[in-house]
Protein backbone atom coordinates (compact mmCIF):
# COMPACT_ATOMS: atom_id res chain seq x y z
CA MET A 1 -139.08 -117.32 -19.04
CA GLU A 2 -136.25 -119.15 -19.81
CA LEU A 3 -137.49 -120.09 -23.51
CA MET A 4 -137.00 -116.33 -24.07
CA LEU A 5 -133.48 -116.07 -22.86
CA ALA A 6 -132.73 -119.11 -24.84
CA SER A 7 -134.19 -117.27 -27.71
CA LEU A 8 -132.11 -114.43 -26.81
CA VAL A 9 -129.04 -116.26 -27.02
CA GLY A 10 -129.58 -118.20 -29.98
CA CYS A 11 -130.41 -114.76 -32.19
CA ALA A 12 -127.43 -113.10 -30.50
CA GLY A 13 -125.21 -115.85 -31.07
CA SER A 14 -126.02 -116.37 -34.76
CA THR A 15 -126.17 -112.77 -35.39
CA VAL A 16 -122.36 -112.01 -34.35
CA ASP A 17 -121.51 -115.32 -36.05
CA SER A 18 -122.57 -113.65 -39.15
CA VAL A 19 -121.16 -110.02 -38.53
CA LEU A 20 -117.76 -111.54 -38.06
CA ALA A 21 -117.85 -113.29 -41.21
CA LYS A 22 -118.86 -110.57 -43.01
CA MET A 23 -115.71 -108.77 -41.59
CA ARG A 24 -113.79 -112.28 -42.86
CA PHE A 25 -112.94 -113.01 -39.44
CA GLU A 26 -113.42 -117.22 -38.65
CA VAL A 27 -114.33 -118.17 -35.13
CA ALA A 28 -113.06 -121.18 -34.05
CA ALA A 29 -115.86 -121.41 -31.09
CA LEU A 30 -118.77 -119.26 -29.77
CA ASN A 31 -120.76 -119.04 -26.74
CA VAL A 32 -123.54 -116.87 -25.45
CA VAL A 33 -124.93 -117.23 -21.73
CA ALA A 34 -127.18 -114.82 -20.80
CA ASP A 35 -127.37 -113.94 -16.79
CA ALA A 36 -131.11 -112.07 -15.91
CA GLU A 37 -132.65 -110.76 -13.15
CA ARG A 38 -136.42 -111.00 -12.89
CA SER A 39 -138.69 -108.49 -10.70
CA ASP A 40 -139.63 -109.82 -7.36
CA ARG A 41 -143.35 -108.57 -8.11
CA VAL A 42 -145.97 -110.00 -10.16
CA PRO A 43 -145.84 -110.11 -13.50
CA ARG A 44 -142.22 -110.96 -12.53
CA VAL A 45 -140.67 -109.33 -15.71
CA TYR A 46 -136.91 -109.46 -16.38
CA THR A 47 -135.47 -106.30 -15.33
CA ASP A 48 -131.60 -106.54 -16.08
CA ALA A 49 -129.29 -108.99 -17.97
CA VAL A 50 -125.73 -109.26 -19.06
CA LEU A 51 -125.14 -111.31 -22.29
CA GLU A 52 -121.80 -112.62 -22.05
CA PHE A 53 -120.23 -114.08 -25.35
CA HIS A 54 -117.26 -116.28 -25.43
CA ILE A 55 -115.67 -115.82 -28.75
CA ALA A 56 -112.55 -117.73 -29.72
CA SER A 57 -110.66 -115.83 -32.69
CA GLU A 58 -107.83 -114.26 -33.89
CA ALA A 59 -109.54 -110.99 -34.89
CA PRO A 60 -108.67 -107.80 -32.57
CA GLU A 61 -110.63 -107.39 -29.80
CA GLU A 62 -112.06 -104.13 -30.90
CA ARG A 63 -113.52 -105.73 -34.04
CA LEU A 64 -115.12 -108.47 -31.62
CA ALA A 65 -116.68 -105.66 -29.60
CA ARG A 66 -118.04 -103.92 -32.87
CA ALA A 67 -119.38 -107.23 -33.91
CA VAL A 68 -121.04 -107.35 -30.48
CA ALA A 69 -122.32 -103.76 -30.81
CA VAL A 70 -123.90 -104.60 -34.41
CA THR A 71 -125.45 -107.16 -32.67
CA GLU A 72 -127.13 -105.21 -30.06
CA ARG A 73 -128.90 -103.30 -32.88
CA THR A 74 -129.70 -106.09 -35.42
CA CYS A 75 -130.70 -108.76 -33.23
CA SER A 76 -134.26 -109.13 -33.34
CA ALA A 77 -134.48 -110.72 -30.03
CA SER A 78 -131.69 -108.03 -28.19
CA VAL A 79 -133.57 -105.08 -29.97
CA MET A 80 -137.03 -106.15 -28.87
CA LEU A 81 -136.10 -106.88 -25.28
CA ALA A 82 -133.86 -103.99 -24.88
CA GLN A 83 -136.96 -102.11 -24.78
CA VAL A 84 -138.22 -103.09 -21.35
CA LEU A 85 -134.72 -104.51 -19.72
CA THR A 86 -131.58 -103.36 -19.25
CA LEU A 87 -129.18 -105.15 -21.62
CA THR A 88 -125.78 -105.31 -21.14
CA PRO A 89 -123.10 -106.90 -23.30
CA ARG A 90 -119.79 -108.46 -21.87
CA LEU A 91 -117.27 -110.04 -24.17
CA VAL A 92 -114.72 -112.81 -23.00
CA HIS A 93 -112.09 -113.09 -26.12
CA ILE A 94 -110.41 -116.44 -26.19
CA ARG A 95 -106.44 -115.94 -28.15
CA GLN A 96 -103.47 -117.00 -28.37
CA VAL A 97 -101.24 -115.41 -25.87
CA GLU A 98 -97.75 -115.81 -24.20
CA ALA A 99 -97.20 -118.40 -21.25
CA ARG A 100 -96.47 -115.61 -19.19
CA ASP A 101 -99.90 -114.24 -19.34
CA THR A 102 -101.32 -117.45 -17.91
CA ARG A 103 -99.06 -118.42 -14.96
CA GLU A 104 -100.56 -116.73 -12.28
CA LEU A 105 -104.13 -118.37 -13.10
CA ARG A 106 -102.25 -122.02 -13.84
CA ARG A 107 -100.67 -121.63 -10.37
CA ARG A 108 -104.24 -120.32 -8.32
CA VAL A 109 -106.29 -123.02 -10.34
CA LEU A 110 -103.73 -126.30 -11.25
CA ARG A 111 -100.72 -125.93 -9.15
CA PRO A 112 -100.59 -124.09 -5.86
CA HIS A 113 -98.15 -126.03 -4.35
CA GLN A 114 -95.72 -124.78 -6.84
CA SER A 115 -94.42 -120.79 -7.70
CA VAL A 116 -95.07 -118.98 -10.55
CA ASP A 117 -91.21 -119.02 -11.32
CA GLU A 118 -91.12 -123.07 -11.04
CA LEU A 119 -94.57 -123.09 -13.48
CA ALA A 120 -92.16 -121.26 -15.55
CA ALA A 121 -89.58 -123.82 -15.61
CA GLU A 122 -91.07 -126.24 -16.88
CA GLU A 123 -92.89 -124.64 -19.85
CA ASP A 124 -92.53 -126.49 -23.14
CA SER A 125 -91.09 -123.67 -25.60
CA ALA A 126 -92.96 -125.55 -28.51
CA ALA A 127 -96.42 -124.88 -26.75
CA THR A 128 -98.82 -122.58 -28.16
CA TRP A 129 -100.79 -121.11 -25.59
CA PHE A 130 -104.63 -119.98 -25.56
CA ALA A 131 -106.22 -117.80 -22.71
CA ALA A 132 -110.11 -116.31 -22.24
CA VAL A 133 -109.51 -112.64 -21.42
CA LEU A 134 -112.17 -110.66 -20.05
CA ASP A 135 -111.97 -107.08 -19.15
CA GLY A 136 -107.76 -107.51 -18.92
CA ASP A 137 -107.93 -110.55 -16.82
CA VAL A 138 -107.13 -114.31 -17.79
CA VAL A 139 -109.78 -116.18 -17.01
CA GLY A 140 -109.24 -119.00 -18.42
CA THR A 141 -106.21 -120.97 -20.12
CA VAL A 142 -105.06 -124.61 -22.32
CA SER A 143 -102.02 -125.11 -24.02
CA LEU A 144 -100.74 -127.61 -26.68
CA SER A 145 -97.54 -129.31 -27.82
CA PRO A 146 -96.76 -132.09 -30.31
CA GLU A 147 -95.77 -135.03 -28.23
CA ASP A 148 -96.44 -138.48 -28.52
CA SER A 149 -98.96 -140.22 -26.26
CA PRO A 150 -97.41 -142.96 -24.12
CA ASP A 151 -100.38 -145.04 -25.29
CA GLU A 152 -101.08 -146.34 -28.93
CA LEU A 153 -103.12 -143.68 -30.72
CA LYS A 154 -102.14 -144.59 -33.95
CA ALA A 155 -101.78 -141.13 -34.98
CA ASP A 156 -98.77 -139.35 -36.88
CA VAL A 157 -99.28 -136.06 -35.98
CA PRO A 158 -100.60 -135.84 -31.93
CA TYR A 159 -100.87 -133.09 -30.07
CA ARG A 160 -100.60 -133.13 -25.80
CA LEU A 161 -103.38 -130.74 -24.66
CA ARG A 162 -102.37 -129.45 -21.18
CA SER A 163 -102.84 -126.52 -18.41
CA MET A 164 -106.94 -126.45 -19.15
CA ALA A 165 -107.76 -124.20 -16.00
CA ILE A 166 -111.03 -121.59 -15.55
CA SER A 167 -110.98 -119.66 -12.71
CA GLU A 168 -113.54 -120.00 -10.25
CA PRO A 169 -116.23 -117.11 -10.79
CA MET A 170 -116.38 -118.11 -14.54
CA ARG A 171 -117.14 -122.07 -14.01
CA GLY A 172 -120.53 -123.52 -15.38
CA ARG A 173 -120.79 -121.37 -18.36
CA GLY A 174 -119.55 -123.32 -21.01
CA LEU A 175 -116.11 -121.56 -20.91
CA GLY A 176 -113.80 -124.69 -20.91
CA ALA A 177 -115.61 -126.00 -23.98
CA VAL A 178 -114.85 -122.70 -26.24
CA LEU A 179 -111.17 -123.34 -25.09
CA LEU A 180 -111.07 -126.61 -26.10
CA GLY A 181 -113.22 -126.13 -29.47
CA ALA A 182 -110.14 -123.03 -30.32
CA ALA A 183 -107.59 -125.87 -29.21
CA VAL A 184 -109.26 -128.56 -31.20
CA ALA A 185 -109.17 -126.04 -34.15
CA HIS A 186 -105.75 -124.71 -34.06
CA VAL A 187 -104.47 -128.79 -33.91
CA ARG A 188 -106.50 -129.32 -37.44
CA ALA A 189 -105.35 -126.07 -38.82
CA VAL A 190 -101.39 -127.07 -38.31
CA GLY A 191 -102.11 -130.76 -39.52
CA GLY A 192 -102.37 -132.62 -36.50
CA ASP A 193 -104.72 -135.62 -36.12
CA ALA A 194 -105.38 -136.23 -32.91
CA VAL A 195 -105.36 -134.64 -29.43
CA TRP A 196 -104.87 -136.26 -25.89
CA CYS A 197 -104.47 -134.88 -22.42
CA SER A 198 -103.59 -136.51 -18.90
CA ALA A 199 -107.13 -135.38 -17.83
CA ARG A 200 -107.83 -135.34 -14.25
CA ALA A 201 -110.43 -137.96 -13.07
CA ALA A 202 -113.19 -135.60 -12.02
CA ALA A 203 -112.59 -134.08 -15.47
CA ALA A 204 -112.92 -136.89 -17.44
CA ALA A 205 -116.60 -136.45 -17.99
CA PHE A 206 -115.98 -132.99 -19.67
CA TYR A 207 -113.76 -134.25 -22.35
CA ARG A 208 -116.13 -137.45 -23.31
CA ALA A 209 -119.02 -134.92 -23.87
CA ALA A 210 -116.53 -133.22 -26.28
CA GLY A 211 -115.54 -136.83 -28.17
CA PHE A 212 -112.66 -137.89 -25.85
CA VAL A 213 -112.36 -141.43 -25.12
CA GLU A 214 -110.07 -143.28 -22.48
CA SER A 215 -106.67 -144.77 -23.73
CA SER A 216 -105.37 -145.66 -20.16
CA GLY A 217 -106.65 -146.98 -16.66
CA GLU A 218 -106.49 -144.40 -13.91
CA TYR A 219 -103.23 -143.54 -12.35
CA GLU A 220 -101.96 -140.94 -9.42
CA VAL A 221 -100.07 -137.65 -10.19
CA ALA A 222 -98.21 -136.52 -6.96
CA HIS A 223 -99.49 -133.49 -5.40
CA ILE A 224 -102.42 -133.27 -7.56
CA GLY A 225 -104.70 -136.45 -7.56
CA PRO A 226 -105.99 -139.57 -10.01
CA HIS A 227 -105.84 -138.98 -13.77
CA VAL A 228 -106.90 -140.80 -16.79
CA ARG A 229 -105.36 -140.16 -20.19
CA MET A 230 -108.18 -139.30 -23.09
CA ALA A 231 -107.48 -138.97 -26.80
CA LEU A 232 -109.47 -137.26 -29.68
CA ARG A 233 -108.82 -138.60 -33.19
CA LEU A 234 -109.79 -135.82 -35.87
C-alpha cells in the first residue's frame, strides 16, 4: 500500500515538472507529499488522499496551479487512483518575497523573545528572502545575503543563509529541503560559490544531508542555544 503512494508521488512529481518545463518555467526544487486515509474495514483500501506539491519556482502561482491541474488529468497513477478514492491537490509555492512577509513566522518560530519591530530593525537590506506560501499563509522561510564567513572557506563570493523556519504543522514533510534547494539555486544563479550558515546544533543533521560540513566548533547564541557554523561549496 505504501508503494502505491510512492508510485503516485513519483508519477505526479515527474509529470508536473514536465508540464512546467513545457511552459518554459524553471523549477529550482520540487517535492511531493501524499497523505492518505484507509478504510477501517477489510479490505483496507485508500478512501481519501491529499497530494501536496512543494514547488520552488518564480512562475506565477496561477501557472503552477494550472500545471497541477494538468497533472491530475495526465499522470497515469493519479488518474487511475482517482477512480476509487477522493484525490485532492494542495500547492505550496516557494518564491521570493519581501522580508516583512516573513516576520510573523520568524518571530513565532525563531525569535519568540523579540517583537516583530525588533526583527525588522535587524534585517539586512541586501538580503533576498524566500517564503513557502500555502493558501496565502507563509509556512516556511529562509534568507540569503552576501557575507564573508568567520571561517576560512576559500570562496570568492560566499553567501550567508539565515532565518530558516518552518511552521510546526509543516515540519517533517520535506519542505525545508525545498526551501534550501531554492536558496542554493539562487546563489548559483547570481554567481556565488559558497553558502554558509550559523545552524542550531539540533538542525546540523539536516544541513549535513544537503552536503554542508561543519566549519567551526559548537558555540552558544544568547536566548537561542548551541550553534555550529556549516558551509557548502558550490
